[in-house]
Amino acid sequence: MTATTGERRRLRRGDTEFTHRPRTTMRIGIFGGTFDPVHMGHLILAEQCRVQANLDEVWFVPSAQPPHKPNAITRFEHRCDMLELAIAGHPAFRVNRIEKERDAPSFTAVTLEQLHTRHPGDTFALLLGSDCLPDLPGWYEPRKIIAMAELIVVIRPGGMLWTAERLARALQIDASQVRLRFIACPMIDIASRELRRAVSDGLSIRYLVPRAVEEYIRERKLYLPSG
């Protein structure tokens, strides 16, 4: 049964009913990390990548079980809540909880594969710092990552930049298979581990994280010394 014009107007995102308008293909940036906690540096990086790489949206994908950080991290729900508070009001930012659905470690290749399955037709770009490129060949199934996503690489100071050719040699693939774009971004030297330490020591994190995130941390007594 075809919906009337009035019924179409009443339909909203998330309703069980829908119109049959074709969905627009999206170019989506994937920004993974623990975000423990999310800070202003994360948000500035995401916005610069969105603008300079012409992304329709940026999805923040918090790791549930990061394989490179075996130590205890803050509960997934807390980290997601802080992300939601941080991006509130930005129409192109989203929080995607896909990695919580798996019991296995949060491997980028698996996440990208699941995203492609759920969002066929969309294209994905992986947001990285240039300091991560030398490590990428050692990640889980790195060739799959290269096949499934463009690399949007934010230039970090220090160290030699890896070109597409150098990355391709390390992966033993043709350079034409590596889609790599460098982004210039203001250098905001904030580290989540230093923020956790500051909170633990009773120091201020004002203006290093969004105000709503600061209040969330205070109200839930996150990062305080145990005992």
C-alpha atoms as a PDB file:
ATOM      1  CA  MET A   1       0.000   0.000   0.000  1.00  0.00           C
ATOM      2  CA  THR A   2       1.418   3.404  -0.968  1.00  0.00           C
ATOM      3  CA  ALA A   3       1.649   6.042   1.734  1.00  0.00           C
ATOM      4  CA  THR A   4      -0.221   9.276   1.119  1.00  0.00           C
ATOM      5  CA  THR A   5       1.595  12.608   1.043  1.00  0.00           C
ATOM      6  CA  GLY A   6       0.412  13.418   4.529  1.00  0.00           C
ATOM      7  CA  GLU A   7       1.586  10.064   5.849  1.00  0.00           C
ATOM      8  CA  ARG A   8       5.016  10.564   4.298  1.00  0.00           C
ATOM      9  CA  ARG A   9       5.369  13.875   6.083  1.00  0.00           C
ATOM     10  CA  ARG A  10       4.694  12.173   9.393  1.00  0.00           C
ATOM     11  CA  LEU A  11       7.369   9.509   8.874  1.00  0.00           C
ATOM     12  CA  ARG A  12      10.557  10.161  10.819  1.00  0.00           C
ATOM     13  CA  ARG A  13      13.929   8.493  10.995  1.00  0.00           C
ATOM     14  CA  GLY A  14      13.623   5.389  13.149  1.00  0.00           C
ATOM     15  CA  ASP A  15       9.947   4.769  12.381  1.00  0.00           C
ATOM     16  CA  THR A  16       9.046   1.220  11.381  1.00  0.00           C
ATOM     17  CA  GLU A  17       7.276   2.510   8.262  1.00  0.00           C
ATOM     18  CA  PHE A  18       9.270   4.056   5.458  1.00  0.00           C
ATOM     19  CA  THR A  19       8.965   5.610   2.029  1.00  0.00           C
ATOM     20  CA  HIS A  20      10.542   3.988  -0.993  1.00  0.00           C
ATOM     21  CA  ARG A  21      12.856   6.864  -1.883  1.00  0.00           C
ATOM     22  CA  PRO A  22      16.314   5.647  -2.966  1.00  0.00           C
ATOM     23  CA  ARG A  23      18.973   5.997  -0.284  1.00  0.00           C
ATOM     24  CA  THR A  24      21.832   8.327  -1.142  1.00  0.00           C
ATOM     25  CA  THR A  25      25.254   6.711  -1.188  1.00  0.00           C
ATOM     26  CA  MET A  26      27.404   8.040   1.638  1.00  0.00           C
ATOM     27  CA  ARG A  27      31.122   8.604   2.006  1.00  0.00           C
ATOM     28  CA  ILE A  28      31.816   7.775   5.657  1.00  0.00           C
ATOM     29  CA  GLY A  29      34.920   8.277   7.746  1.00  0.00           C
ATOM     30  CA  ILE A  30      35.593   5.613  10.394  1.00  0.00           C
ATOM     31  CA  PHE A  31      37.385   6.895  13.476  1.00  0.00           C
ATOM     32  CA  GLY A  32      38.268   4.031  15.811  1.00  0.00           C
ATOM     33  CA  GLY A  33      39.856   4.158  19.233  1.00  0.00           C
ATOM     34  CA  THR A  34      39.246   3.614  22.906  1.00  0.00           C
ATOM     35  CA  PHE A  35      38.204   7.250  23.519  1.00  0.00           C
ATOM     36  CA  ASP A  36      38.988   6.882  27.211  1.00  0.00           C
ATOM     37  CA  PRO A  37      38.032   9.703  27.423  1.00  0.00           C
ATOM     38  CA  VAL A  38      37.219  11.489  24.175  1.00  0.00           C
ATOM     39  CA  HIS A  39      38.913  14.893  24.059  1.00  0.00           C
ATOM     40  CA  MET A  40      39.090  18.049  21.951  1.00  0.00           C
ATOM     41  CA  GLY A  41      41.940  16.666  19.861  1.00  0.00           C
ATOM     42  CA  HIS A  42      39.718  13.804  18.692  1.00  0.00           C
ATOM     43  CA  LEU A  43      36.961  16.204  17.672  1.00  0.00           C
ATOM     44  CA  ILE A  44      39.261  18.602  15.830  1.00  0.00           C
ATOM     45  CA  LEU A  45      40.866  15.723  13.930  1.00  0.00           C
ATOM     46  CA  ALA A  46      37.468  14.306  12.956  1.00  0.00           C
ATOM     47  CA  GLU A  47      36.199  17.671  11.732  1.00  0.00           C
ATOM     48  CA  GLN A  48      39.309  18.428   9.700  1.00  0.00           C
ATOM     49  CA  CYS A  49      39.124  15.000   8.057  1.00  0.00           C
ATOM     50  CA  ARG A  50      35.428  15.480   7.328  1.00  0.00           C
ATOM     51  CA  VAL A  51      36.009  18.820   5.621  1.00  0.00           C
ATOM     52  CA  GLN A  52      39.284  18.161   3.793  1.00  0.00           C
ATOM     53  CA  ALA A  53      38.397  14.643   2.625  1.00  0.00           C
ATOM     54  CA  ASN A  54      34.802  15.560   1.680  1.00  0.00           C
ATOM     55  CA  LEU A  55      33.211  13.014   4.019  1.00  0.00           C
ATOM     56  CA  ASP A  56      29.438  12.974   4.441  1.00  0.00           C
ATOM     57  CA  GLU A  57      29.723  11.672   7.996  1.00  0.00           C
ATOM     58  CA  VAL A  58      32.313  10.605  10.536  1.00  0.00           C
ATOM     59  CA  TRP A  59      31.478   7.580  12.675  1.00  0.00           C
ATOM     60  CA  PHE A  60      33.260   7.243  15.992  1.00  0.00           C
ATOM     61  CA  VAL A  61      33.728   3.522  16.607  1.00  0.00           C
ATOM     62  CA  PRO A  62      34.850   2.853  20.200  1.00  0.00           C
ATOM     63  CA  SER A  63      36.803  -0.355  20.709  1.00  0.00           C
ATOM     64  CA  ALA A  64      35.203  -2.899  22.998  1.00  0.00           C
ATOM     65  CA  GLN A  65      38.302  -5.093  23.386  1.00  0.00           C
ATOM     66  CA  PRO A  66      41.282  -3.289  21.841  1.00  0.00           C
ATOM     67  CA  PRO A  67      43.968  -5.915  21.091  1.00  0.00           C
ATOM     68  CA  HIS A  68      46.805  -3.392  21.574  1.00  0.00           C
ATOM     69  CA  LYS A  69      45.597  -2.258  25.017  1.00  0.00           C
ATOM     70  CA  PRO A  70      45.286  -5.371  27.198  1.00  0.00           C
ATOM     71  CA  ASN A  71      45.058  -3.372  30.431  1.00  0.00           C
ATOM     72  CA  ALA A  72      41.700  -2.515  31.923  1.00  0.00           C
ATOM     73  CA  ILE A  73      39.816   0.286  30.191  1.00  0.00           C
ATOM     74  CA  THR A  74      36.721   2.180  31.216  1.00  0.00           C
ATOM     75  CA  ARG A  75      33.380   0.462  30.641  1.00  0.00           C
ATOM     76  CA  PHE A  76      32.214   0.571  27.035  1.00  0.00           C
ATOM     77  CA  GLU A  77      28.916   2.241  27.984  1.00  0.00           C
ATOM     78  CA  HIS A  78      30.690   5.103  29.768  1.00  0.00           C
ATOM     79  CA  ARG A  79      32.956   5.725  26.788  1.00  0.00           C
ATOM     80  CA  CYS A  80      29.991   5.718  24.407  1.00  0.00           C
ATOM     81  CA  ASP A  81      28.040   8.092  26.645  1.00  0.00           C
ATOM     82  CA  MET A  82      30.978  10.519  26.690  1.00  0.00           C
ATOM     83  CA  LEU A  83      31.230  10.333  22.897  1.00  0.00           C
ATOM     84  CA  GLU A  84      27.516  11.054  22.507  1.00  0.00           C
ATOM     85  CA  LEU A  85      27.878  14.104  24.751  1.00  0.00           C
ATOM     86  CA  ALA A  86      30.973  15.281  22.883  1.00  0.00           C
ATOM     87  CA  ILE A  87      29.417  15.166  19.408  1.00  0.00           C
ATOM     88  CA  ALA A  88      25.961  16.445  20.379  1.00  0.00           C
ATOM     89  CA  GLY A  89      24.816  19.088  17.931  1.00  0.00           C
ATOM     90  CA  HIS A  90      27.073  18.021  15.065  1.00  0.00           C
ATOM     91  CA  PRO A  91      24.810  16.643  12.323  1.00  0.00           C
ATOM     92  CA  ALA A  92      27.608  14.722  10.567  1.00  0.00           C
ATOM     93  CA  PHE A  93      29.047  12.938  13.608  1.00  0.00           C
ATOM     94  CA  ARG A  94      27.750   9.564  14.816  1.00  0.00           C
ATOM     95  CA  VAL A  95      28.694   6.981  17.444  1.00  0.00           C
ATOM     96  CA  ASN A  96      28.637   3.409  16.136  1.00  0.00           C
ATOM     97  CA  ARG A  97      28.620   0.628  18.744  1.00  0.00           C
ATOM     98  CA  ILE A  98      29.274  -2.234  16.335  1.00  0.00           C
ATOM     99  CA  GLU A  99      32.347  -3.555  18.142  1.00  0.00           C
ATOM    100  CA  LYS A 100      30.351  -4.209  21.314  1.00  0.00           C
ATOM    101  CA  GLU A 101      28.445  -6.928  19.446  1.00  0.00           C
ATOM    102  CA  ARG A 102      31.526  -9.154  19.196  1.00  0.00           C
ATOM    103  CA  ASP A 103      33.177 -11.179  21.945  1.00  0.00           C
ATOM    104  CA  ALA A 104      36.434 -11.256  19.986  1.00  0.00           C
ATOM    105  CA  PRO A 105      39.057  -8.479  20.017  1.00  0.00           C
ATOM    106  CA  SER A 106      38.212  -5.313  18.099  1.00  0.00           C
ATOM    107  CA  PHE A 107      40.014  -5.841  14.795  1.00  0.00           C
ATOM    108  CA  THR A 108      39.645  -3.082  12.206  1.00  0.00           C
ATOM    109  CA  ALA A 109      39.421  -5.530   9.290  1.00  0.00           C
ATOM    110  CA  VAL A 110      36.458  -7.343  10.870  1.00  0.00           C
ATOM    111  CA  THR A 111      34.681  -4.083  11.696  1.00  0.00           C
ATOM    112  CA  LEU A 112      35.066  -2.789   8.137  1.00  0.00           C
ATOM    113  CA  GLU A 113      33.783  -6.079   6.755  1.00  0.00           C
ATOM    114  CA  GLN A 114      30.672  -5.883   8.939  1.00  0.00           C
ATOM    115  CA  LEU A 115      30.078  -2.249   8.008  1.00  0.00           C
ATOM    116  CA  HIS A 116      30.270  -3.054   4.302  1.00  0.00           C
ATOM    117  CA  THR A 117      27.749  -5.858   4.793  1.00  0.00           C
ATOM    118  CA  ARG A 118      25.323  -3.622   6.689  1.00  0.00           C
ATOM    119  CA  HIS A 119      25.751  -0.568   4.483  1.00  0.00           C
ATOM    120  CA  PRO A 120      26.222  -1.816   0.918  1.00  0.00           C
ATOM    121  CA  GLY A 121      26.863   0.958  -1.557  1.00  0.00           C
ATOM    122  CA  ASP A 122      28.454   3.295   0.992  1.00  0.00           C
ATOM    123  CA  THR A 123      32.184   3.906   0.828  1.00  0.00           C
ATOM    124  CA  PHE A 124      34.390   3.976   3.905  1.00  0.00           C
ATOM    125  CA  ALA A 125      37.570   5.831   4.783  1.00  0.00           C
ATOM    126  CA  LEU A 126      39.707   4.972   7.796  1.00  0.00           C
ATOM    127  CA  LEU A 127      41.007   7.915   9.837  1.00  0.00           C
ATOM    128  CA  LEU A 128      44.593   7.408  11.039  1.00  0.00           C
ATOM    129  CA  GLY A 129      47.566   9.332  12.343  1.00  0.00           C
ATOM    130  CA  SER A 130      50.664   9.121  10.148  1.00  0.00           C
ATOM    131  CA  ASP A 131      52.484   7.486  13.072  1.00  0.00           C
ATOM    132  CA  CYS A 132      50.143   4.477  12.648  1.00  0.00           C
ATOM    133  CA  LEU A 133      51.083   3.748   9.032  1.00  0.00           C
ATOM    134  CA  PRO A 134      54.335   1.880   9.823  1.00  0.00           C
ATOM    135  CA  ASP A 135      52.355  -0.369  12.188  1.00  0.00           C
ATOM    136  CA  LEU A 136      49.523  -1.125   9.762  1.00  0.00           C
ATOM    137  CA  PRO A 137      51.280  -4.058   8.013  1.00  0.00           C
ATOM    138  CA  GLY A 138      51.333  -5.814  11.407  1.00  0.00           C
ATOM    139  CA  TRP A 139      47.593  -5.392  11.990  1.00  0.00           C
ATOM    140  CA  TYR A 140      45.117  -8.237  11.567  1.00  0.00           C
ATOM    141  CA  GLU A 141      44.527  -8.832   7.824  1.00  0.00           C
ATOM    142  CA  PRO A 142      45.951  -5.476   6.659  1.00  0.00           C
ATOM    143  CA  ARG A 143      45.361  -6.237   2.969  1.00  0.00           C
ATOM    144  CA  LYS A 144      41.641  -6.492   3.686  1.00  0.00           C
ATOM    145  CA  ILE A 145      41.741  -3.073   5.326  1.00  0.00           C
ATOM    146  CA  ILE A 146      43.400  -1.582   2.238  1.00  0.00           C
ATOM    147  CA  ALA A 147      40.811  -3.224  -0.014  1.00  0.00           C
ATOM    148  CA  MET A 148      37.829  -2.020   2.012  1.00  0.00           C
ATOM    149  CA  ALA A 149      38.789   1.542   2.939  1.00  0.00           C
ATOM    150  CA  GLU A 150      40.623   4.596   1.780  1.00  0.00           C
ATOM    151  CA  LEU A 151      43.197   5.784   4.312  1.00  0.00           C
ATOM    152  CA  ILE A 152      42.740   9.362   5.518  1.00  0.00           C
ATOM    153  CA  VAL A 153      46.042  10.072   7.248  1.00  0.00           C
ATOM    154  CA  VAL A 154      46.599  13.027   9.573  1.00  0.00           C
ATOM    155  CA  ILE A 155      50.208  14.193   9.456  1.00  0.00           C
ATOM    156  CA  ARG A 156      52.023  13.917  12.789  1.00  0.00           C
ATOM    157  CA  PRO A 157      55.310  15.685  13.544  1.00  0.00           C
ATOM    158  CA  GLY A 158      58.483  13.632  13.654  1.00  0.00           C
ATOM    159  CA  GLY A 159      59.335  10.544  11.671  1.00  0.00           C
ATOM    160  CA  MET A 160      59.297   9.968   7.928  1.00  0.00           C
ATOM    161  CA  LEU A 161      55.938   9.852   6.170  1.00  0.00           C
ATOM    162  CA  TRP A 162      55.043   6.509   4.640  1.00  0.00           C
ATOM    163  CA  THR A 163      53.878   6.935   1.070  1.00  0.00           C
ATOM    164  CA  ALA A 164      51.364   4.690  -0.682  1.00  0.00           C
ATOM    165  CA  GLU A 165      54.287   3.063  -2.492  1.00  0.00           C
ATOM    166  CA  ARG A 166      56.146   2.255   0.726  1.00  0.00           C
ATOM    167  CA  LEU A 167      53.025   0.850   2.375  1.00  0.00           C
ATOM    168  CA  ALA A 168      52.316  -1.249  -0.711  1.00  0.00           C
ATOM    169  CA  ARG A 169      55.833  -2.699  -0.631  1.00  0.00           C
ATOM    170  CA  ALA A 170      55.436  -3.617   3.028  1.00  0.00           C
ATOM    171  CA  LEU A 171      52.143  -5.345   2.226  1.00  0.00           C
ATOM    172  CA  GLN A 172      53.476  -6.898  -0.986  1.00  0.00           C
ATOM    173  CA  ILE A 173      50.680  -5.463  -3.105  1.00  0.00           C
ATOM    174  CA  ASP A 174      50.558  -3.078  -6.035  1.00  0.00           C
ATOM    175  CA  ALA A 175      50.680   0.620  -5.104  1.00  0.00           C
ATOM    176  CA  SER A 176      47.544   1.249  -7.177  1.00  0.00           C
ATOM    177  CA  GLN A 177      45.575  -0.704  -4.552  1.00  0.00           C
ATOM    178  CA  VAL A 178      46.451   1.779  -1.783  1.00  0.00           C
ATOM    179  CA  ARG A 179      44.091   4.752  -1.590  1.00  0.00           C
ATOM    180  CA  LEU A 180      45.860   7.217   0.683  1.00  0.00           C
ATOM    181  CA  ARG A 181      45.200  10.896   1.350  1.00  0.00           C
ATOM    182  CA  PHE A 182      47.159  13.102   3.740  1.00  0.00           C
ATOM    183  CA  ILE A 183      45.370  15.714   5.856  1.00  0.00           C
ATOM    184  CA  ALA A 184      46.910  18.744   7.524  1.00  0.00           C
ATOM    185  CA  CYS A 185      45.449  19.270  10.985  1.00  0.00           C
ATOM    186  CA  PRO A 186      46.234  21.654  13.855  1.00  0.00           C
ATOM    187  CA  MET A 187      48.436  19.817  16.317  1.00  0.00           C
ATOM    188  CA  ILE A 188      46.520  19.447  19.570  1.00  0.00           C
ATOM    189  CA  ASP A 189      48.824  17.591  21.947  1.00  0.00           C
ATOM    190  CA  ILE A 190      46.280  15.941  24.229  1.00  0.00           C
ATOM    191  CA  ALA A 191      46.522  12.312  25.331  1.00  0.00           C
ATOM    192  CA  SER A 192      43.681  10.424  27.012  1.00  0.00           C
ATOM    193  CA  ARG A 193      46.128   8.753  29.410  1.00  0.00           C
ATOM    194  CA  GLU A 194      47.293  12.182  30.597  1.00  0.00           C
ATOM    195  CA  LEU A 195      43.701  13.266  31.131  1.00  0.00           C
ATOM    196  CA  ARG A 196      43.036  10.174  33.227  1.00  0.00           C
ATOM    197  CA  ARG A 197      46.147  10.919  35.255  1.00  0.00           C
ATOM    198  CA  ALA A 198      45.113  14.556  35.711  1.00  0.00           C
ATOM    199  CA  VAL A 199      41.680  13.550  37.029  1.00  0.00           C
ATOM    200  CA  SER A 200      43.288  11.015  39.339  1.00  0.00           C
ATOM    201  CA  ASP A 201      45.606  13.739  40.685  1.00  0.00           C
ATOM    202  CA  GLY A 202      42.768  16.215  41.172  1.00  0.00           C
ATOM    203  CA  LEU A 203      43.876  18.529  38.361  1.00  0.00           C
ATOM    204  CA  SER A 204      41.661  20.453  35.957  1.00  0.00           C
ATOM    205  CA  ILE A 205      40.804  19.124  32.495  1.00  0.00           C
ATOM    206  CA  ARG A 206      38.701  22.178  31.593  1.00  0.00           C
ATOM    207  CA  TYR A 207      38.913  23.014  27.861  1.00  0.00           C
ATOM    208  CA  LEU A 208      40.762  19.758  27.158  1.00  0.00           C
ATOM    209  CA  VAL A 209      37.469  17.876  26.895  1.00  0.00           C
ATOM    210  CA  PRO A 210      33.967  19.190  26.124  1.00  0.00           C
ATOM    211  CA  ARG A 211      32.293  20.634  29.196  1.00  0.00           C
ATOM    212  CA  ALA A 212      29.586  17.943  29.158  1.00  0.00           C
ATOM    213  CA  VAL A 213      32.270  15.232  29.165  1.00  0.00           C
ATOM    214  CA  GLU A 214      34.046  16.923  32.069  1.00  0.00           C
ATOM    215  CA  GLU A 215      30.812  16.943  34.059  1.00  0.00           C
ATOM    216  CA  TYR A 216      30.095  13.308  33.174  1.00  0.00           C
ATOM    217  CA  ILE A 217      33.521  12.280  34.461  1.00  0.00           C
ATOM    218  CA  ARG A 218      32.998  14.237  37.665  1.00  0.00           C
ATOM    219  CA  GLU A 219      29.465  12.961  38.302  1.00  0.00           C
ATOM    220  CA  ARG A 220      30.384   9.301  37.697  1.00  0.00           C
ATOM    221  CA  LYS A 221      33.686   9.615  39.570  1.00  0.00           C
ATOM    222  CA  LEU A 222      35.623   8.170  36.643  1.00  0.00           C
ATOM    223  CA  TYR A 223      39.429   7.892  36.713  1.00  0.00           C
ATOM    224  CA  LEU A 224      39.678   8.463  40.456  1.00  0.00           C
ATOM    225  CA  PRO A 225      42.196   6.422  42.466  1.00  0.00           C
ATOM    226  CA  SER A 226      40.720   3.125  43.643  1.00  0.00           C
ATOM    227  CA  GLY A 227      40.500   2.637  47.343  1.00  0.00           C
END
